[in-house]
Amino acid sequence: MSTETDTKVIAEVRENFGKGYARRLRAAGQIPAVIYGHGTEPVHVSLPGHQVSLLIRRANAVLELEVAGKQQLTLVKDVQKDPVHQIIEHIDLLVVKKGEKIQVDVPVVVLGEPFAGTIANLDNATVTLEVEATHIPETVEVDVEGLEDGTHITAADLTLPKGATLVTEPETLVVAISVPAATIAESDEIEAADEAAAEEQSEAAEEAAE
C-alpha cells in the first residue's frame, strides 16, 4: 500500500474523456493524467489525488507508476491548475528510463546574507541541468554570505550537484548583489541636504563678514 511519501503510485487506465468526466474524476479525489514519450502511444490515466498532490510539491518529481500491472517510471512534466481555486486539473507525465539523461529546470536557492546594506537579487529562479532521470536534484544552492555590492554570480559559477551538467548558457546572470534603490535615493537626499546646509552656512558667513 502506498504511503503519502511513497513515489509508487497506482494509476488506473481511463477510456472516457471530456471535461464532464474529468470533473467527476476530480470530485472522486482522482487527477486526470496522460503518460507519453519514448515513442509510445499516449496513455490516459487517473491518479490518486491526495498522494500525488503531496509528491508533486517538489520540482521535477519522478513517479513510479503501476499501470495495468506494469511498472512505468515517469517525470512530472506539466501540472495544470485552476487559476482561481488552484485545484490540479491535469498532469502530463513523461516516460523515463533508469540511467537515462534528461534536461530539467532546477530551482535556485540563495543561502546566507550579503554584505551589510546590500541585497541579493535572484535574476534567474531556475537553471537547466542535464541529469540522470532517477537522480534529479531538488535545488541548486548559491551562497552569498558576505558578498559585496556589484558581485555577479553566473550559471558558470554555480556548484552543481554530482553528476549534473549545465545546459543553461554559462554567462547567464543568476544572482546580483546590489544596494537597494531606496537606500541609494535616501543617501542622495541626505547628500543634497548636506550640500544645501553647507551653502546656507557659507552664505550666512559671507553676509556676516559684510
N, C-alpha and C. Protein backbone atom coordinates (compact mmCIF):
# COMPACT_ATOMS: atom_id res chain seq x y z
N MET A 1 0.85 -1.19 0.00
CA MET A 1 0.00 0.00 0.00
C MET A 1 0.89 1.24 0.00
N SER A 2 0.58 2.20 -0.87
CA SER A 2 1.40 3.41 -0.99
C SER A 2 1.15 4.35 0.18
N THR A 3 2.22 4.94 0.68
CA THR A 3 2.10 5.96 1.70
C THR A 3 2.16 7.32 1.03
N GLU A 4 1.95 8.39 1.83
CA GLU A 4 1.91 9.73 1.25
C GLU A 4 3.26 10.14 0.68
N THR A 5 4.36 9.58 1.21
CA THR A 5 5.67 9.98 0.73
C THR A 5 6.25 8.95 -0.24
N ASP A 6 5.50 7.92 -0.52
CA ASP A 6 5.95 6.86 -1.42
C ASP A 6 5.77 7.31 -2.86
N THR A 7 6.81 7.15 -3.69
CA THR A 7 6.71 7.57 -5.09
C THR A 7 6.04 6.50 -5.95
N LYS A 8 5.70 5.37 -5.35
CA LYS A 8 5.00 4.33 -6.10
C LYS A 8 3.51 4.64 -6.11
N VAL A 9 2.96 4.81 -7.30
CA VAL A 9 1.58 5.26 -7.45
C VAL A 9 0.82 4.29 -8.36
N ILE A 10 -0.36 3.89 -7.92
CA ILE A 10 -1.20 3.04 -8.75
C ILE A 10 -2.06 3.92 -9.64
N ALA A 11 -1.87 3.78 -10.96
CA ALA A 11 -2.62 4.57 -11.93
C ALA A 11 -3.65 3.68 -12.63
N GLU A 12 -4.85 4.21 -12.76
CA GLU A 12 -5.91 3.46 -13.43
C GLU A 12 -6.09 3.98 -14.85
N VAL A 13 -6.06 3.07 -15.81
CA VAL A 13 -6.25 3.47 -17.21
C VAL A 13 -7.69 3.93 -17.38
N ARG A 14 -7.88 5.04 -18.09
CA ARG A 14 -9.24 5.54 -18.32
C ARG A 14 -9.53 5.59 -19.82
N GLU A 15 -10.74 5.25 -20.14
CA GLU A 15 -11.18 5.22 -21.54
C GLU A 15 -12.08 6.41 -21.86
N ASN A 16 -12.61 7.05 -20.82
CA ASN A 16 -13.52 8.17 -21.03
C ASN A 16 -12.79 9.49 -20.95
N PHE A 17 -13.22 10.46 -21.76
CA PHE A 17 -12.57 11.76 -21.80
C PHE A 17 -13.62 12.86 -21.72
N GLY A 18 -13.18 14.09 -21.82
CA GLY A 18 -14.11 15.22 -21.78
C GLY A 18 -14.09 15.90 -20.43
N LYS A 19 -14.52 17.18 -20.43
CA LYS A 19 -14.49 18.00 -19.21
C LYS A 19 -15.41 17.44 -18.13
N GLY A 20 -16.59 16.96 -18.54
CA GLY A 20 -17.54 16.43 -17.57
C GLY A 20 -16.99 15.24 -16.81
N TYR A 21 -16.36 14.32 -17.55
CA TYR A 21 -15.78 13.12 -16.94
C TYR A 21 -14.61 13.51 -16.03
N ALA A 22 -13.80 14.48 -16.52
CA ALA A 22 -12.66 14.94 -15.72
C ALA A 22 -13.13 15.56 -14.41
N ARG A 23 -14.24 16.30 -14.47
CA ARG A 23 -14.78 16.90 -13.24
C ARG A 23 -15.22 15.83 -12.26
N ARG A 24 -15.85 14.80 -12.78
CA ARG A 24 -16.30 13.70 -11.90
C ARG A 24 -15.11 12.98 -11.26
N LEU A 25 -14.05 12.83 -12.05
CA LEU A 25 -12.84 12.20 -11.51
C LEU A 25 -12.29 13.02 -10.34
N ARG A 26 -12.17 14.33 -10.56
CA ARG A 26 -11.63 15.19 -9.51
C ARG A 26 -12.52 15.20 -8.28
N ALA A 27 -13.83 15.17 -8.50
CA ALA A 27 -14.78 15.12 -7.38
C ALA A 27 -14.61 13.84 -6.56
N ALA A 28 -14.13 12.79 -7.23
CA ALA A 28 -13.92 11.50 -6.55
C ALA A 28 -12.50 11.38 -5.99
N GLY A 29 -11.76 12.51 -5.99
CA GLY A 29 -10.42 12.50 -5.41
C GLY A 29 -9.34 11.98 -6.35
N GLN A 30 -9.63 11.95 -7.66
CA GLN A 30 -8.66 11.48 -8.65
C GLN A 30 -8.19 12.65 -9.52
N ILE A 31 -7.00 12.50 -10.11
CA ILE A 31 -6.45 13.51 -11.01
C ILE A 31 -6.28 12.91 -12.39
N PRO A 32 -6.86 13.50 -13.44
CA PRO A 32 -6.64 13.02 -14.80
C PRO A 32 -5.18 13.28 -15.21
N ALA A 33 -4.59 12.33 -15.94
CA ALA A 33 -3.21 12.49 -16.38
C ALA A 33 -3.00 11.75 -17.69
N VAL A 34 -1.92 12.12 -18.40
CA VAL A 34 -1.55 11.42 -19.63
C VAL A 34 -0.08 11.06 -19.54
N ILE A 35 0.25 9.84 -19.97
CA ILE A 35 1.63 9.35 -19.99
C ILE A 35 2.08 9.28 -21.44
N TYR A 36 3.25 9.87 -21.75
CA TYR A 36 3.72 9.86 -23.13
C TYR A 36 5.25 9.82 -23.16
N GLY A 37 5.80 9.61 -24.36
CA GLY A 37 7.26 9.63 -24.52
C GLY A 37 7.84 8.29 -24.90
N HIS A 38 9.10 8.30 -25.33
CA HIS A 38 9.83 7.11 -25.76
C HIS A 38 9.11 6.38 -26.89
N GLY A 39 8.45 7.15 -27.74
CA GLY A 39 7.80 6.56 -28.92
C GLY A 39 6.56 5.76 -28.62
N THR A 40 6.07 5.84 -27.38
CA THR A 40 4.88 5.07 -27.01
C THR A 40 3.62 5.88 -27.30
N GLU A 41 2.52 5.18 -27.47
CA GLU A 41 1.23 5.86 -27.63
C GLU A 41 0.84 6.47 -26.29
N PRO A 42 0.28 7.69 -26.30
CA PRO A 42 -0.16 8.30 -25.04
C PRO A 42 -1.17 7.41 -24.32
N VAL A 43 -1.00 7.29 -23.01
CA VAL A 43 -1.92 6.50 -22.19
C VAL A 43 -2.60 7.45 -21.20
N HIS A 44 -3.92 7.47 -21.22
CA HIS A 44 -4.68 8.34 -20.31
C HIS A 44 -5.02 7.56 -19.05
N VAL A 45 -4.68 8.18 -17.90
CA VAL A 45 -4.87 7.50 -16.62
C VAL A 45 -5.49 8.46 -15.61
N SER A 46 -5.90 7.89 -14.48
CA SER A 46 -6.30 8.70 -13.33
C SER A 46 -5.39 8.32 -12.17
N LEU A 47 -5.04 9.33 -11.36
CA LEU A 47 -4.09 9.14 -10.26
C LEU A 47 -4.76 9.48 -8.93
N PRO A 48 -4.32 8.83 -7.84
CA PRO A 48 -4.86 9.17 -6.52
C PRO A 48 -4.49 10.60 -6.14
N GLY A 49 -5.51 11.46 -6.00
CA GLY A 49 -5.29 12.89 -5.84
C GLY A 49 -4.46 13.31 -4.65
N HIS A 50 -4.78 12.82 -3.46
CA HIS A 50 -4.08 13.28 -2.25
C HIS A 50 -2.60 12.90 -2.28
N GLN A 51 -2.32 11.65 -2.60
CA GLN A 51 -0.94 11.17 -2.62
C GLN A 51 -0.12 11.95 -3.65
N VAL A 52 -0.66 12.10 -4.86
CA VAL A 52 0.09 12.75 -5.93
C VAL A 52 0.26 14.25 -5.66
N SER A 53 -0.74 14.88 -5.05
CA SER A 53 -0.63 16.30 -4.70
C SER A 53 0.56 16.55 -3.77
N LEU A 54 0.79 15.62 -2.85
CA LEU A 54 1.94 15.75 -1.95
C LEU A 54 3.25 15.51 -2.67
N LEU A 55 3.26 14.52 -3.56
CA LEU A 55 4.50 14.15 -4.27
C LEU A 55 4.98 15.25 -5.21
N ILE A 56 4.04 15.97 -5.84
CA ILE A 56 4.45 16.96 -6.85
C ILE A 56 4.74 18.33 -6.24
N ARG A 57 4.77 18.40 -4.92
CA ARG A 57 5.15 19.67 -4.30
C ARG A 57 6.60 20.01 -4.64
N ARG A 58 7.43 19.00 -4.80
CA ARG A 58 8.83 19.24 -5.18
C ARG A 58 8.92 19.31 -6.70
N ALA A 59 9.85 20.13 -7.17
CA ALA A 59 10.02 20.28 -8.61
C ALA A 59 10.56 19.00 -9.22
N ASN A 60 10.16 18.72 -10.45
CA ASN A 60 10.67 17.58 -11.21
C ASN A 60 10.49 16.24 -10.48
N ALA A 61 9.30 16.05 -9.92
CA ALA A 61 9.01 14.80 -9.21
C ALA A 61 8.99 13.63 -10.18
N VAL A 62 9.56 12.51 -9.75
CA VAL A 62 9.53 11.27 -10.53
C VAL A 62 8.58 10.30 -9.83
N LEU A 63 7.60 9.80 -10.59
CA LEU A 63 6.62 8.87 -10.03
C LEU A 63 6.85 7.47 -10.60
N GLU A 64 6.83 6.49 -9.71
CA GLU A 64 6.92 5.09 -10.13
C GLU A 64 5.49 4.55 -10.25
N LEU A 65 4.99 4.53 -11.47
CA LEU A 65 3.60 4.14 -11.68
C LEU A 65 3.44 2.64 -11.87
N GLU A 66 2.30 2.16 -11.40
CA GLU A 66 1.87 0.82 -11.75
C GLU A 66 0.63 0.99 -12.62
N VAL A 67 0.78 0.65 -13.91
CA VAL A 67 -0.31 0.83 -14.87
C VAL A 67 -0.70 -0.53 -15.44
N ALA A 68 -1.90 -0.97 -15.15
CA ALA A 68 -2.39 -2.27 -15.61
C ALA A 68 -1.40 -3.39 -15.30
N GLY A 69 -0.84 -3.33 -14.09
CA GLY A 69 0.08 -4.37 -13.64
C GLY A 69 1.52 -4.21 -14.09
N LYS A 70 1.81 -3.17 -14.89
CA LYS A 70 3.18 -2.93 -15.38
C LYS A 70 3.77 -1.71 -14.70
N GLN A 71 5.10 -1.78 -14.47
CA GLN A 71 5.80 -0.67 -13.83
C GLN A 71 6.23 0.34 -14.88
N GLN A 72 6.06 1.61 -14.56
CA GLN A 72 6.42 2.68 -15.51
C GLN A 72 7.00 3.87 -14.74
N LEU A 73 8.24 4.23 -15.07
CA LEU A 73 8.88 5.37 -14.42
C LEU A 73 8.53 6.64 -15.22
N THR A 74 8.02 7.67 -14.53
CA THR A 74 7.61 8.89 -15.24
C THR A 74 8.07 10.14 -14.51
N LEU A 75 8.32 11.19 -15.30
CA LEU A 75 8.68 12.51 -14.77
C LEU A 75 7.49 13.43 -14.91
N VAL A 76 7.16 14.14 -13.84
CA VAL A 76 6.07 15.12 -13.91
C VAL A 76 6.54 16.29 -14.76
N LYS A 77 5.97 16.41 -15.96
CA LYS A 77 6.42 17.40 -16.93
C LYS A 77 5.61 18.68 -16.86
N ASP A 78 4.32 18.56 -16.59
CA ASP A 78 3.47 19.75 -16.55
C ASP A 78 2.28 19.50 -15.62
N VAL A 79 1.97 20.50 -14.81
CA VAL A 79 0.82 20.42 -13.91
C VAL A 79 -0.11 21.59 -14.23
N GLN A 80 -1.32 21.27 -14.65
CA GLN A 80 -2.29 22.32 -14.98
C GLN A 80 -3.23 22.51 -13.79
N LYS A 81 -3.33 23.77 -13.32
CA LYS A 81 -4.17 24.07 -12.16
C LYS A 81 -5.24 25.09 -12.52
N ASP A 82 -6.35 25.00 -11.80
CA ASP A 82 -7.38 26.02 -11.93
C ASP A 82 -6.81 27.33 -11.39
N PRO A 83 -6.79 28.41 -12.20
CA PRO A 83 -6.14 29.66 -11.77
C PRO A 83 -6.75 30.31 -10.54
N VAL A 84 -8.02 30.02 -10.28
CA VAL A 84 -8.70 30.63 -9.14
C VAL A 84 -8.59 29.76 -7.88
N HIS A 85 -8.99 28.50 -8.01
CA HIS A 85 -9.05 27.62 -6.84
C HIS A 85 -7.76 26.80 -6.63
N GLN A 86 -6.84 26.86 -7.61
CA GLN A 86 -5.57 26.13 -7.52
C GLN A 86 -5.75 24.62 -7.38
N ILE A 87 -6.87 24.13 -7.90
CA ILE A 87 -7.11 22.68 -7.93
C ILE A 87 -6.36 22.10 -9.12
N ILE A 88 -5.68 20.96 -8.92
CA ILE A 88 -4.97 20.32 -10.02
C ILE A 88 -5.98 19.74 -11.00
N GLU A 89 -5.92 20.21 -12.25
CA GLU A 89 -6.88 19.77 -13.26
C GLU A 89 -6.34 18.63 -14.12
N HIS A 90 -5.01 18.63 -14.35
CA HIS A 90 -4.43 17.62 -15.24
C HIS A 90 -2.92 17.59 -15.06
N ILE A 91 -2.33 16.42 -15.26
CA ILE A 91 -0.87 16.27 -15.15
C ILE A 91 -0.35 15.56 -16.40
N ASP A 92 0.75 16.09 -16.95
CA ASP A 92 1.45 15.43 -18.05
C ASP A 92 2.65 14.69 -17.48
N LEU A 93 2.77 13.41 -17.82
CA LEU A 93 3.86 12.57 -17.32
C LEU A 93 4.70 12.07 -18.47
N LEU A 94 6.01 12.29 -18.38
CA LEU A 94 6.94 11.86 -19.43
C LEU A 94 7.61 10.55 -19.03
N VAL A 95 7.55 9.57 -19.92
CA VAL A 95 8.19 8.27 -19.66
C VAL A 95 9.71 8.46 -19.62
N VAL A 96 10.34 7.95 -18.56
CA VAL A 96 11.81 7.99 -18.46
C VAL A 96 12.32 6.60 -18.10
N LYS A 97 13.61 6.39 -18.34
CA LYS A 97 14.25 5.11 -18.03
C LYS A 97 15.36 5.33 -17.00
N LYS A 98 15.56 4.34 -16.16
CA LYS A 98 16.65 4.42 -15.18
C LYS A 98 17.98 4.56 -15.92
N GLY A 99 18.81 5.50 -15.46
CA GLY A 99 20.11 5.72 -16.10
C GLY A 99 20.04 6.70 -17.25
N GLU A 100 18.84 7.01 -17.72
CA GLU A 100 18.68 7.93 -18.85
C GLU A 100 18.99 9.36 -18.41
N LYS A 101 19.64 10.14 -19.30
CA LYS A 101 19.93 11.54 -19.03
C LYS A 101 18.79 12.39 -19.59
N ILE A 102 18.30 13.31 -18.78
CA ILE A 102 17.24 14.21 -19.23
C ILE A 102 17.59 15.64 -18.83
N GLN A 103 16.93 16.60 -19.48
CA GLN A 103 17.13 18.01 -19.15
C GLN A 103 15.95 18.51 -18.32
N VAL A 104 16.26 19.15 -17.19
CA VAL A 104 15.22 19.66 -16.29
C VAL A 104 15.61 21.04 -15.79
N ASP A 105 14.59 21.84 -15.45
CA ASP A 105 14.83 23.15 -14.83
C ASP A 105 14.81 22.96 -13.32
N VAL A 106 15.92 23.29 -12.67
CA VAL A 106 16.07 23.07 -11.23
C VAL A 106 16.04 24.43 -10.50
N PRO A 107 15.22 24.58 -9.45
CA PRO A 107 15.14 25.84 -8.72
C PRO A 107 16.47 26.22 -8.06
N VAL A 108 16.75 27.54 -8.06
CA VAL A 108 17.95 28.07 -7.40
C VAL A 108 17.54 28.60 -6.03
N VAL A 109 18.31 28.24 -5.00
CA VAL A 109 18.04 28.68 -3.63
C VAL A 109 19.24 29.50 -3.14
N VAL A 110 18.96 30.71 -2.64
CA VAL A 110 20.01 31.61 -2.15
C VAL A 110 20.21 31.38 -0.66
N LEU A 111 21.46 31.15 -0.25
CA LEU A 111 21.81 30.94 1.16
C LEU A 111 22.68 32.08 1.67
N GLY A 112 22.56 32.38 2.96
CA GLY A 112 23.42 33.38 3.57
C GLY A 112 22.94 34.80 3.37
N GLU A 113 23.70 35.75 3.96
CA GLU A 113 23.38 37.18 3.88
C GLU A 113 24.55 37.91 3.24
N PRO A 114 24.29 38.75 2.22
CA PRO A 114 25.38 39.51 1.63
C PRO A 114 25.86 40.62 2.57
N PHE A 115 26.86 41.37 2.14
CA PHE A 115 27.45 42.44 2.95
C PHE A 115 26.37 43.40 3.44
N ALA A 116 26.56 43.94 4.65
CA ALA A 116 25.57 44.84 5.26
C ALA A 116 25.19 45.97 4.32
N GLY A 117 23.87 46.20 4.19
CA GLY A 117 23.38 47.29 3.34
C GLY A 117 23.11 46.87 1.91
N THR A 118 23.40 45.61 1.57
CA THR A 118 23.16 45.13 0.21
C THR A 118 22.10 44.03 0.22
N ILE A 119 21.59 43.73 -0.96
CA ILE A 119 20.63 42.63 -1.11
C ILE A 119 21.07 41.72 -2.25
N ALA A 120 20.59 40.48 -2.21
CA ALA A 120 20.88 39.51 -3.27
C ALA A 120 19.65 39.43 -4.18
N ASN A 121 19.82 39.83 -5.44
CA ASN A 121 18.73 39.79 -6.41
C ASN A 121 18.84 38.50 -7.23
N LEU A 122 17.77 37.69 -7.19
CA LEU A 122 17.75 36.44 -7.95
C LEU A 122 17.24 36.74 -9.36
N ASP A 123 18.16 36.81 -10.31
CA ASP A 123 17.79 37.15 -11.69
C ASP A 123 17.19 35.97 -12.44
N ASN A 124 17.62 34.76 -12.12
CA ASN A 124 17.07 33.55 -12.74
C ASN A 124 16.73 32.56 -11.63
N ALA A 125 15.44 32.25 -11.50
CA ALA A 125 14.98 31.39 -10.41
C ALA A 125 15.29 29.92 -10.64
N THR A 126 15.63 29.56 -11.89
CA THR A 126 15.98 28.16 -12.20
C THR A 126 17.17 28.13 -13.16
N VAL A 127 17.83 26.98 -13.19
CA VAL A 127 18.86 26.72 -14.21
C VAL A 127 18.55 25.35 -14.82
N THR A 128 18.86 25.21 -16.09
CA THR A 128 18.61 23.94 -16.77
C THR A 128 19.84 23.05 -16.65
N LEU A 129 19.61 21.83 -16.17
CA LEU A 129 20.69 20.86 -16.00
C LEU A 129 20.37 19.58 -16.75
N GLU A 130 21.42 18.86 -17.13
CA GLU A 130 21.24 17.51 -17.66
C GLU A 130 21.64 16.55 -16.55
N VAL A 131 20.71 15.69 -16.16
CA VAL A 131 20.94 14.79 -15.02
C VAL A 131 20.32 13.43 -15.31
N GLU A 132 20.66 12.47 -14.49
CA GLU A 132 20.01 11.16 -14.60
C GLU A 132 18.57 11.28 -14.12
N ALA A 133 17.68 10.60 -14.82
CA ALA A 133 16.24 10.71 -14.52
C ALA A 133 15.92 10.33 -13.08
N THR A 134 16.68 9.42 -12.52
CA THR A 134 16.39 8.97 -11.15
C THR A 134 17.24 9.69 -10.10
N HIS A 135 18.03 10.69 -10.55
CA HIS A 135 18.85 11.46 -9.61
C HIS A 135 18.71 12.95 -9.90
N ILE A 136 17.48 13.44 -9.88
CA ILE A 136 17.23 14.85 -10.15
C ILE A 136 17.37 15.64 -8.85
N PRO A 137 18.28 16.62 -8.81
CA PRO A 137 18.43 17.41 -7.58
C PRO A 137 17.20 18.28 -7.34
N GLU A 138 16.85 18.49 -6.06
CA GLU A 138 15.70 19.33 -5.74
C GLU A 138 16.01 20.80 -5.97
N THR A 139 17.25 21.21 -5.66
CA THR A 139 17.64 22.61 -5.80
C THR A 139 19.12 22.72 -6.16
N VAL A 140 19.52 23.92 -6.60
CA VAL A 140 20.93 24.29 -6.72
C VAL A 140 21.14 25.45 -5.75
N GLU A 141 22.10 25.33 -4.83
CA GLU A 141 22.28 26.34 -3.79
C GLU A 141 23.37 27.34 -4.18
N VAL A 142 23.12 28.62 -3.83
CA VAL A 142 24.08 29.70 -4.06
C VAL A 142 24.35 30.38 -2.73
N ASP A 143 25.60 30.39 -2.29
CA ASP A 143 25.97 31.02 -1.02
C ASP A 143 26.43 32.46 -1.28
N VAL A 144 25.69 33.43 -0.71
CA VAL A 144 26.03 34.84 -0.93
C VAL A 144 26.60 35.49 0.33
N GLU A 145 26.95 34.70 1.31
CA GLU A 145 27.41 35.21 2.60
C GLU A 145 28.57 36.20 2.43
N GLY A 146 28.34 37.47 2.87
CA GLY A 146 29.40 38.47 2.88
C GLY A 146 29.75 39.08 1.53
N LEU A 147 29.07 38.68 0.46
CA LEU A 147 29.40 39.23 -0.86
C LEU A 147 29.03 40.71 -0.94
N GLU A 148 29.87 41.48 -1.67
CA GLU A 148 29.71 42.94 -1.68
C GLU A 148 28.97 43.43 -2.92
N ASP A 149 28.56 44.70 -2.85
CA ASP A 149 27.84 45.36 -3.95
C ASP A 149 28.61 45.21 -5.26
N GLY A 150 27.87 44.84 -6.31
CA GLY A 150 28.48 44.70 -7.64
C GLY A 150 28.90 43.28 -7.97
N THR A 151 28.81 42.37 -7.00
CA THR A 151 29.18 40.97 -7.26
C THR A 151 28.11 40.31 -8.13
N HIS A 152 28.55 39.65 -9.19
CA HIS A 152 27.64 38.91 -10.07
C HIS A 152 27.99 37.43 -10.05
N ILE A 153 26.97 36.59 -9.88
CA ILE A 153 27.16 35.14 -9.92
C ILE A 153 26.45 34.62 -11.16
N THR A 154 27.21 34.02 -12.07
CA THR A 154 26.64 33.49 -13.31
C THR A 154 26.41 31.98 -13.17
N ALA A 155 25.75 31.42 -14.17
CA ALA A 155 25.49 29.98 -14.16
C ALA A 155 26.80 29.19 -14.09
N ALA A 156 27.85 29.72 -14.72
CA ALA A 156 29.15 29.04 -14.72
C ALA A 156 29.77 29.00 -13.32
N ASP A 157 29.37 29.93 -12.44
CA ASP A 157 29.93 29.99 -11.09
C ASP A 157 29.27 29.01 -10.12
N LEU A 158 28.16 28.42 -10.52
CA LEU A 158 27.40 27.56 -9.62
C LEU A 158 28.12 26.25 -9.34
N THR A 159 27.97 25.78 -8.11
CA THR A 159 28.46 24.44 -7.75
C THR A 159 27.33 23.47 -8.03
N LEU A 160 27.50 22.63 -9.04
CA LEU A 160 26.42 21.74 -9.47
C LEU A 160 26.42 20.45 -8.66
N PRO A 161 25.25 19.85 -8.47
CA PRO A 161 25.17 18.55 -7.80
C PRO A 161 25.97 17.50 -8.58
N LYS A 162 26.43 16.49 -7.88
CA LYS A 162 27.22 15.43 -8.51
C LYS A 162 26.46 14.79 -9.67
N GLY A 163 27.13 14.66 -10.80
CA GLY A 163 26.53 14.00 -11.96
C GLY A 163 25.74 14.93 -12.86
N ALA A 164 25.59 16.20 -12.46
CA ALA A 164 24.81 17.16 -13.24
C ALA A 164 25.69 17.94 -14.21
N THR A 165 25.17 18.24 -15.38
CA THR A 165 25.87 19.04 -16.39
C THR A 165 25.04 20.28 -16.68
N LEU A 166 25.70 21.44 -16.77
CA LEU A 166 25.00 22.69 -17.02
C LEU A 166 24.55 22.79 -18.47
N VAL A 167 23.27 23.10 -18.67
CA VAL A 167 22.73 23.31 -20.02
C VAL A 167 22.50 24.81 -20.27
N THR A 168 22.08 25.52 -19.22
CA THR A 168 21.91 26.97 -19.30
C THR A 168 23.21 27.61 -19.78
N GLU A 169 23.11 28.68 -20.58
CA GLU A 169 24.31 29.39 -21.05
C GLU A 169 25.17 29.80 -19.85
N PRO A 170 26.47 29.49 -19.88
CA PRO A 170 27.33 29.75 -18.72
C PRO A 170 27.34 31.20 -18.25
N GLU A 171 27.20 32.16 -19.19
CA GLU A 171 27.27 33.57 -18.81
C GLU A 171 25.95 34.14 -18.28
N THR A 172 24.92 33.29 -18.21
CA THR A 172 23.62 33.74 -17.70
C THR A 172 23.73 34.23 -16.25
N LEU A 173 23.25 35.46 -16.00
CA LEU A 173 23.30 36.02 -14.65
C LEU A 173 22.26 35.33 -13.78
N VAL A 174 22.71 34.82 -12.63
CA VAL A 174 21.80 34.12 -11.71
C VAL A 174 21.50 35.00 -10.49
N VAL A 175 22.55 35.51 -9.85
CA VAL A 175 22.37 36.37 -8.67
C VAL A 175 23.26 37.60 -8.81
N ALA A 176 22.70 38.77 -8.46
CA ALA A 176 23.46 40.01 -8.45
C ALA A 176 23.34 40.67 -7.08
N ILE A 177 24.47 41.10 -6.53
CA ILE A 177 24.47 41.77 -5.23
C ILE A 177 24.46 43.28 -5.48
N SER A 178 23.51 43.99 -4.84
CA SER A 178 23.43 45.43 -5.06
C SER A 178 22.89 46.13 -3.82
N VAL A 179 23.07 47.46 -3.82
CA VAL A 179 22.48 48.29 -2.77
C VAL A 179 21.07 48.63 -3.22
N PRO A 180 20.06 48.46 -2.35
CA PRO A 180 18.68 48.75 -2.75
C PRO A 180 18.51 50.18 -3.27
N ALA A 181 17.67 50.34 -4.28
CA ALA A 181 17.44 51.66 -4.88
C ALA A 181 16.98 52.67 -3.84
N ALA A 182 16.14 52.23 -2.90
CA ALA A 182 15.62 53.14 -1.87
C ALA A 182 16.76 53.67 -1.01
N THR A 183 17.75 52.82 -0.73
CA THR A 183 18.90 53.24 0.08
C THR A 183 19.73 54.27 -0.66
N ILE A 184 19.90 54.04 -1.98
CA ILE A 184 20.66 54.99 -2.80
C ILE A 184 19.95 56.33 -2.84
N ALA A 185 18.62 56.29 -3.03
CA ALA A 185 17.83 57.52 -3.09
C ALA A 185 17.93 58.29 -1.78
N GLU A 186 17.85 57.54 -0.66
CA GLU A 186 17.94 58.17 0.66
C GLU A 186 19.30 58.80 0.86
N SER A 187 20.34 58.09 0.40
CA SER A 187 21.70 58.61 0.51
C SER A 187 21.86 59.88 -0.29
N ASP A 188 21.27 59.89 -1.52
CA ASP A 188 21.33 61.08 -2.37
C ASP A 188 20.62 62.26 -1.72
N GLU A 189 19.47 61.99 -1.07
CA GLU A 189 18.71 63.05 -0.41
C GLU A 189 19.51 63.65 0.74
N ILE A 190 20.16 62.79 1.52
CA ILE A 190 20.98 63.26 2.65
C ILE A 190 22.13 64.11 2.14
N GLU A 191 22.75 63.61 1.04
CA GLU A 191 23.88 64.35 0.47
C GLU A 191 23.43 65.72 -0.03
N ALA A 192 22.26 65.76 -0.69
CA ALA A 192 21.74 67.03 -1.21
C ALA A 192 21.42 67.98 -0.07
N ALA A 193 20.84 67.42 1.01
CA ALA A 193 20.50 68.25 2.18
C ALA A 193 21.76 68.81 2.82
N ASP A 194 22.81 67.98 2.91
CA ASP A 194 24.08 68.43 3.49
C ASP A 194 24.69 69.54 2.65
N GLU A 195 24.60 69.39 1.31
CA GLU A 195 25.15 70.42 0.42
C GLU A 195 24.38 71.73 0.58
N ALA A 196 23.03 71.59 0.68
CA ALA A 196 22.20 72.79 0.84
C ALA A 196 22.53 73.49 2.15
N ALA A 197 22.71 72.71 3.21
CA ALA A 197 23.03 73.28 4.53
C ALA A 197 24.39 73.97 4.49
N ALA A 198 25.34 73.34 3.79
CA ALA A 198 26.68 73.92 3.68
C ALA A 198 26.63 75.24 2.93
N GLU A 199 25.80 75.31 1.88
CA GLU A 199 25.66 76.55 1.10
C GLU A 199 25.06 77.66 1.95
N GLU A 200 24.02 77.28 2.74
CA GLU A 200 23.38 78.28 3.61
C GLU A 200 24.37 78.82 4.62
N GLN A 201 25.18 77.92 5.18
CA GLN A 201 26.18 78.36 6.16
C GLN A 201 27.20 79.29 5.52
N SER A 202 27.59 78.94 4.29
CA SER A 202 28.57 79.76 3.57
C SER A 202 28.03 81.14 3.28
N GLU A 203 26.73 81.16 2.83
CA GLU A 203 26.10 82.45 2.52
C GLU A 203 25.95 83.28 3.78
N ALA A 204 25.59 82.59 4.88
CA ALA A 204 25.42 83.32 6.14
C ALA A 204 26.75 83.90 6.61
N ALA A 205 27.81 83.14 6.41
CA ALA A 205 29.15 83.60 6.82
C ALA A 205 29.57 84.81 6.00
N GLU A 206 29.25 84.78 4.69
CA GLU A 206 29.61 85.90 3.81
C GLU A 206 28.84 87.16 4.19
N GLU A 207 27.53 86.97 4.50
CA GLU A 207 26.72 88.11 4.92
C GLU A 207 27.23 88.71 6.21
N ALA A 208 27.63 87.86 7.13
CA ALA A 208 28.16 88.34 8.42
C ALA A 208 29.46 89.10 8.23
N ALA A 209 30.25 88.62 7.26
CA ALA A 209 31.54 89.28 7.00
C ALA A 209 31.33 90.67 6.41
N GLU A 210 30.25 90.82 5.63
CA GLU A 210 29.97 92.12 5.03
C GLU A 210 29.49 93.10 6.10
